[in-house]
């Protein structure tokens, strides 16, 4: 006669809520599609890390201000290269 083993129920651990992560997600969700695209472009072209972006936004810069600064610097360098 074989012993029947009952499967034990897994106890679910409480999920730890990362309020900082939620705040960051809310901020990103507030961005327009154009701002999200600008952010993506800057991350790819300038190799900007998440930590760098967090620091930039903590200083109060908006995505649009950051994008303008990056574009101005890029095209200023492009003019210098062409001359």
N, C-alpha and C. Protein backbone atom coordinates (compact mmCIF):
# COMPACT_ATOMS: atom_id res chain seq x y z
N UNK A 1 0.84 -1.18 0.00
CA UNK A 1 0.00 0.00 0.00
C UNK A 1 0.89 1.25 0.00
N UNK A 2 0.63 2.14 -0.94
CA UNK A 2 1.44 3.36 -1.07
C UNK A 2 0.87 4.46 -0.18
N UNK A 3 1.78 5.23 0.36
CA UNK A 3 1.35 6.36 1.18
C UNK A 3 0.97 7.52 0.26
N UNK A 4 -0.11 8.15 0.54
CA UNK A 4 -0.55 9.30 -0.25
C UNK A 4 -0.01 10.56 0.41
N UNK A 5 0.74 11.31 -0.38
CA UNK A 5 1.33 12.55 0.14
C UNK A 5 0.50 13.71 -0.38
N UNK A 6 -0.02 14.47 0.53
CA UNK A 6 -0.82 15.65 0.19
C UNK A 6 0.13 16.79 -0.17
N UNK A 7 -0.12 17.47 -1.27
CA UNK A 7 0.72 18.64 -1.59
C UNK A 7 0.48 19.75 -0.56
N UNK A 8 1.57 20.34 -0.15
CA UNK A 8 1.45 21.43 0.83
C UNK A 8 1.19 22.74 0.09
N UNK A 9 0.36 23.52 0.68
CA UNK A 9 0.08 24.83 0.09
C UNK A 9 1.28 25.74 0.32
N UNK A 10 1.63 26.47 -0.72
CA UNK A 10 2.73 27.42 -0.57
C UNK A 10 2.21 28.66 0.13
N UNK A 11 2.96 29.09 1.09
CA UNK A 11 2.56 30.33 1.77
C UNK A 11 3.09 31.49 0.95
N UNK A 12 2.23 32.42 0.68
CA UNK A 12 2.64 33.59 -0.10
C UNK A 12 3.21 34.63 0.86
N UNK A 13 4.37 35.12 0.48
CA UNK A 13 4.99 36.17 1.26
C UNK A 13 4.38 37.51 0.89
N UNK A 14 4.39 38.39 1.82
CA UNK A 14 3.87 39.73 1.55
C UNK A 14 4.76 40.40 0.51
N UNK A 15 4.14 41.08 -0.42
CA UNK A 15 4.89 41.79 -1.44
C UNK A 15 5.36 43.13 -0.89
N UNK A 16 6.64 43.37 -1.03
CA UNK A 16 7.20 44.62 -0.54
C UNK A 16 6.95 45.69 -1.60
N UNK A 17 6.34 46.76 -1.20
CA UNK A 17 6.02 47.84 -2.12
C UNK A 17 7.18 48.83 -2.12
N UNK A 18 7.74 49.05 -3.29
CA UNK A 18 8.81 50.01 -3.44
C UNK A 18 8.18 51.34 -3.86
N UNK A 19 7.99 52.21 -2.88
CA UNK A 19 7.30 53.47 -3.15
C UNK A 19 8.09 54.36 -4.11
N UNK A 20 9.41 54.29 -4.02
CA UNK A 20 10.23 55.08 -4.93
C UNK A 20 10.00 54.63 -6.38
N UNK A 21 9.94 53.31 -6.59
CA UNK A 21 9.70 52.77 -7.93
C UNK A 21 8.32 53.18 -8.43
N UNK A 22 7.33 53.13 -7.55
CA UNK A 22 5.97 53.53 -7.95
C UNK A 22 5.93 55.00 -8.34
N UNK A 23 6.63 55.83 -7.56
CA UNK A 23 6.66 57.27 -7.86
C UNK A 23 7.29 57.50 -9.23
N UNK A 24 8.38 56.79 -9.50
CA UNK A 24 9.07 56.92 -10.77
C UNK A 24 8.16 56.50 -11.92
N UNK A 25 7.44 55.39 -11.74
CA UNK A 25 6.51 54.92 -12.77
C UNK A 25 5.39 55.93 -13.01
N UNK A 26 4.89 56.55 -11.94
CA UNK A 26 3.84 57.56 -12.10
C UNK A 26 4.36 58.75 -12.88
N UNK A 27 5.60 59.16 -12.58
CA UNK A 27 6.18 60.30 -13.29
C UNK A 27 6.34 59.98 -14.77
N UNK A 28 6.79 58.78 -15.09
CA UNK A 28 6.96 58.39 -16.48
C UNK A 28 5.61 58.31 -17.18
N UNK A 29 4.60 57.82 -16.48
CA UNK A 29 3.27 57.72 -17.08
C UNK A 29 2.65 59.09 -17.34
N UNK A 30 3.11 60.12 -16.63
CA UNK A 30 2.61 61.48 -16.84
C UNK A 30 3.16 62.10 -18.13
N UNK A 31 4.27 61.55 -18.63
CA UNK A 31 4.90 62.11 -19.81
C UNK A 31 4.03 61.90 -21.04
N UNK A 32 4.10 62.86 -21.95
CA UNK A 32 3.40 62.70 -23.23
C UNK A 32 4.17 61.68 -24.07
N UNK A 33 3.55 61.21 -25.13
CA UNK A 33 4.23 60.24 -26.01
C UNK A 33 5.48 60.88 -26.62
N UNK A 34 5.42 62.17 -26.91
CA UNK A 34 6.57 62.88 -27.46
C UNK A 34 7.72 62.91 -26.44
N UNK A 35 7.40 63.18 -25.18
CA UNK A 35 8.43 63.22 -24.14
C UNK A 35 9.02 61.83 -23.90
N UNK A 36 8.18 60.80 -23.95
CA UNK A 36 8.69 59.43 -23.79
C UNK A 36 9.66 59.09 -24.92
N UNK A 37 9.33 59.54 -26.13
CA UNK A 37 10.20 59.29 -27.28
C UNK A 37 11.52 60.04 -27.11
N UNK A 38 11.45 61.28 -26.68
CA UNK A 38 12.67 62.06 -26.44
C UNK A 38 13.56 61.37 -25.41
N UNK A 39 12.94 60.88 -24.36
CA UNK A 39 13.67 60.18 -23.31
C UNK A 39 14.36 58.94 -23.86
N UNK A 40 13.65 58.18 -24.66
CA UNK A 40 14.21 56.97 -25.27
C UNK A 40 15.37 57.32 -26.19
N UNK A 41 15.20 58.35 -27.00
CA UNK A 41 16.26 58.77 -27.93
C UNK A 41 17.51 59.17 -27.15
N UNK A 42 17.34 59.93 -26.09
CA UNK A 42 18.50 60.36 -25.30
C UNK A 42 19.18 59.18 -24.63
N UNK A 43 18.40 58.23 -24.13
CA UNK A 43 18.99 57.06 -23.49
C UNK A 43 19.83 56.27 -24.48
N UNK A 44 19.34 56.14 -25.72
CA UNK A 44 20.05 55.35 -26.72
C UNK A 44 21.25 56.12 -27.27
N UNK A 45 21.03 57.36 -27.70
CA UNK A 45 22.10 58.13 -28.34
C UNK A 45 23.20 58.56 -27.38
N UNK A 46 22.81 58.91 -26.17
CA UNK A 46 23.77 59.45 -25.21
C UNK A 46 24.20 58.43 -24.17
N UNK A 47 23.64 57.24 -24.25
CA UNK A 47 23.95 56.19 -23.29
C UNK A 47 23.73 56.68 -21.85
N UNK A 48 22.59 57.31 -21.62
CA UNK A 48 22.25 57.83 -20.30
C UNK A 48 21.63 56.70 -19.49
N UNK A 49 22.18 56.46 -18.31
CA UNK A 49 21.67 55.38 -17.46
C UNK A 49 20.46 55.86 -16.67
N UNK A 50 19.76 54.89 -16.08
CA UNK A 50 18.60 55.21 -15.23
C UNK A 50 19.03 56.09 -14.05
N UNK A 51 20.20 55.78 -13.48
CA UNK A 51 20.70 56.56 -12.34
C UNK A 51 20.98 58.00 -12.74
N UNK A 52 21.57 58.18 -13.93
CA UNK A 52 21.85 59.53 -14.43
C UNK A 52 20.55 60.31 -14.60
N UNK A 53 19.56 59.65 -15.19
CA UNK A 53 18.27 60.31 -15.41
C UNK A 53 17.62 60.70 -14.09
N UNK A 54 17.69 59.81 -13.12
CA UNK A 54 17.10 60.11 -11.81
C UNK A 54 17.75 61.34 -11.21
N UNK A 55 19.08 61.42 -11.31
CA UNK A 55 19.79 62.58 -10.79
C UNK A 55 19.41 63.86 -11.51
N UNK A 56 19.25 63.76 -12.82
CA UNK A 56 18.87 64.93 -13.62
C UNK A 56 17.49 65.42 -13.22
N UNK A 57 16.55 64.49 -13.08
CA UNK A 57 15.18 64.88 -12.73
C UNK A 57 15.08 65.37 -11.29
N UNK A 58 15.92 64.84 -10.41
CA UNK A 58 15.93 65.32 -9.02
C UNK A 58 16.38 66.77 -8.96
N UNK A 59 17.18 67.19 -9.92
CA UNK A 59 17.64 68.58 -9.98
C UNK A 59 16.58 69.51 -10.55
N UNK A 60 15.48 68.92 -11.01
CA UNK A 60 14.37 69.73 -11.48
C UNK A 60 14.31 69.96 -12.98
N UNK A 61 15.18 69.31 -13.75
CA UNK A 61 15.13 69.46 -15.20
C UNK A 61 14.01 68.60 -15.77
N UNK A 62 13.34 69.12 -16.77
CA UNK A 62 12.29 68.35 -17.44
C UNK A 62 12.90 67.59 -18.62
N UNK A 63 12.15 66.66 -19.16
CA UNK A 63 12.60 65.92 -20.35
C UNK A 63 12.85 66.89 -21.49
N UNK A 64 11.98 67.87 -21.65
CA UNK A 64 12.12 68.83 -22.75
C UNK A 64 13.37 69.69 -22.58
N UNK A 65 13.65 70.13 -21.36
CA UNK A 65 14.85 70.93 -21.12
C UNK A 65 16.11 70.11 -21.39
N UNK A 66 16.10 68.89 -20.94
CA UNK A 66 17.24 68.00 -21.15
C UNK A 66 17.45 67.74 -22.64
N UNK A 67 16.37 67.48 -23.35
CA UNK A 67 16.45 67.22 -24.79
C UNK A 67 17.00 68.43 -25.53
N UNK A 68 16.53 69.62 -25.17
CA UNK A 68 17.02 70.85 -25.80
C UNK A 68 18.52 71.01 -25.56
N UNK A 69 18.95 70.78 -24.33
CA UNK A 69 20.38 70.88 -24.02
C UNK A 69 21.22 69.89 -24.80
N UNK A 70 20.76 68.66 -24.89
CA UNK A 70 21.48 67.63 -25.64
C UNK A 70 21.54 68.01 -27.12
N UNK A 71 20.41 68.44 -27.68
CA UNK A 71 20.37 68.82 -29.10
C UNK A 71 21.30 70.00 -29.37
N UNK A 72 21.27 71.01 -28.51
CA UNK A 72 22.15 72.17 -28.70
C UNK A 72 23.62 71.76 -28.66
N UNK A 73 23.97 70.92 -27.72
CA UNK A 73 25.36 70.48 -27.60
C UNK A 73 25.76 69.65 -28.83
N UNK A 74 24.87 68.77 -29.26
CA UNK A 74 25.16 67.91 -30.41
C UNK A 74 25.39 68.75 -31.67
N UNK A 75 24.51 69.69 -31.93
CA UNK A 75 24.64 70.46 -33.16
C UNK A 75 25.75 71.50 -33.07
N UNK A 76 26.08 71.95 -31.88
CA UNK A 76 27.23 72.84 -31.72
C UNK A 76 28.50 72.07 -32.07
N UNK A 77 28.60 70.84 -31.59
CA UNK A 77 29.76 70.00 -31.92
C UNK A 77 29.80 69.67 -33.40
N UNK A 78 28.64 69.46 -34.00
CA UNK A 78 28.58 69.15 -35.43
C UNK A 78 29.10 70.33 -36.25
N UNK A 79 28.75 71.57 -35.85
CA UNK A 79 29.24 72.77 -36.55
C UNK A 79 30.75 72.86 -36.44
N UNK A 80 31.29 72.57 -35.25
CA UNK A 80 32.73 72.65 -35.05
C UNK A 80 33.46 71.61 -35.90
N UNK A 81 32.88 70.45 -36.07
CA UNK A 81 33.49 69.39 -36.88
C UNK A 81 33.49 69.78 -38.35
N UNK A 82 32.41 70.41 -38.82
CA UNK A 82 32.29 70.78 -40.24
C UNK A 82 33.23 71.92 -40.62
N UNK A 83 33.62 72.75 -39.66
CA UNK A 83 34.44 73.93 -39.98
C UNK A 83 35.88 73.57 -40.20
